[in-house]
Protein backbone atom coordinates (compact mmCIF):
# COMPACT_ATOMS: atom_id res chain seq x y z
CA MET A 1 0.01 0.01 -0.17
CA ILE A 2 2.94 2.32 1.23
CA LYS A 3 4.45 1.36 -2.58
CA ARG A 4 1.31 2.23 -4.23
CA VAL A 5 1.03 5.80 -2.61
CA SER A 6 4.42 6.58 -3.40
CA PHE A 7 4.35 5.77 -6.57
CA ILE A 8 1.07 7.71 -7.28
CA SER A 9 2.54 10.81 -5.72
CA MET A 10 5.80 10.51 -7.37
CA VAL A 11 4.14 10.16 -10.74
CA VAL A 12 1.76 13.49 -9.84
CA ILE A 13 4.63 15.30 -8.68
CA ILE A 14 6.35 14.72 -12.34
CA ILE A 15 3.37 15.84 -14.24
CA LEU A 16 2.90 18.95 -12.03
CA VAL A 17 6.72 19.66 -12.50
CA PHE A 18 6.45 18.90 -16.02
CA PHE A 19 3.36 21.39 -16.74
CA LYS A 20 5.02 24.09 -14.65
CA ILE A 21 8.37 23.92 -16.88
CA SER A 22 6.42 23.70 -20.01
CA ASP A 23 4.54 26.94 -19.13
CA GLN A 24 7.64 29.10 -18.26
CA MET A 25 9.32 28.02 -21.65
CA PRO A 26 9.30 30.29 -24.32
CA HIS A 27 7.54 29.78 -27.09
CA HIS A 28 9.04 30.55 -31.07
CA ASN A 29 8.10 29.26 -34.41
CA GLY A 30 11.52 26.80 -34.49
CA ASN A 31 12.41 28.23 -37.82
CA SER A 32 15.53 29.86 -36.49
CA SER A 33 18.09 26.79 -35.94
CA GLY A 34 17.05 25.62 -39.44
CA GLU A 35 17.79 29.02 -41.37
CA TYR A 36 20.99 29.24 -39.05
CA TYR A 37 22.15 25.55 -40.07
CA ILE A 38 21.32 26.24 -43.72
CA GLU A 39 23.03 29.21 -44.03
CA ASN A 40 26.35 28.56 -41.86
CA ALA A 41 26.71 24.83 -42.23
CA LEU A 42 28.99 24.73 -45.02
CA ASP A 43 31.47 27.45 -43.81
CA GLU A 44 31.54 26.15 -40.19
CA VAL A 45 31.63 22.49 -40.66
CA GLY A 46 33.41 22.30 -44.11
CA ALA A 47 31.40 18.81 -45.01
CA LYS A 48 29.91 19.03 -48.26
CA ASN A 49 27.02 17.31 -47.35
CA ILE A 50 24.70 19.50 -44.95
CA VAL A 51 23.20 16.49 -43.46
CA THR A 52 26.47 15.12 -42.57
CA GLY A 53 27.95 17.94 -41.05
CA ILE A 54 25.01 19.14 -39.01
CA TYR A 55 24.77 15.36 -37.37
CA LEU A 56 28.62 15.26 -36.27
CA ASP A 57 29.61 18.50 -35.66
CA TYR A 58 26.63 20.50 -34.63
CA ARG A 59 24.48 17.46 -32.91
CA TYR A 60 27.45 15.02 -31.99
CA PHE A 61 27.22 15.70 -28.23
CA ASP A 62 23.44 15.72 -28.11
CA THR A 63 23.41 12.11 -29.66
CA ILE A 64 26.24 10.67 -27.53
CA PHE A 65 24.14 11.66 -24.33
CA GLU A 66 21.04 10.38 -25.71
CA ALA A 67 22.68 6.96 -26.25
CA SER A 68 24.19 7.31 -22.78
CA ILE A 69 20.63 8.15 -21.37
CA LEU A 70 19.45 4.97 -22.94
CA LEU A 71 22.27 2.79 -21.88
CA VAL A 72 21.25 3.68 -18.59
CA THR A 73 17.59 3.15 -18.97
CA VAL A 74 17.76 -0.20 -20.36
CA SER A 75 20.36 -1.07 -17.81
CA GLY A 76 18.09 -0.07 -14.77
CA ILE A 77 15.05 -1.77 -16.26
CA LEU A 78 17.13 -5.35 -16.57
CA PHE A 79 18.30 -4.76 -13.30
CA LEU A 80 14.96 -4.00 -11.57
CA SER A 81 13.38 -6.91 -13.79
CA LYS A 82 15.45 -9.30 -11.96
CA PHE A 83 13.62 -8.64 -8.64
CA GLU A 84 10.08 -9.74 -8.67
CA GLN A 85 9.09 -7.33 -5.21
CA PHE A 86 9.17 -4.46 -7.49
């Protein structure tokens, strides 16, 4: 019973924090980064292919962090799935 109440309260807190943060974020049209990449990618990166340049230069650290988060998540799920009590 205590675990269930703790889990439900944790989910409610996460949802409330998510909505609070999303209300405070500035809204924009989303085209500014695309225009910047198109105008400056060839000069800054030096790659002939803009898509490859964006992926390997601009998004490199983002991709590495996404892969590490995925690895930690899968490891946590595998660790927790070994225990039937959870």
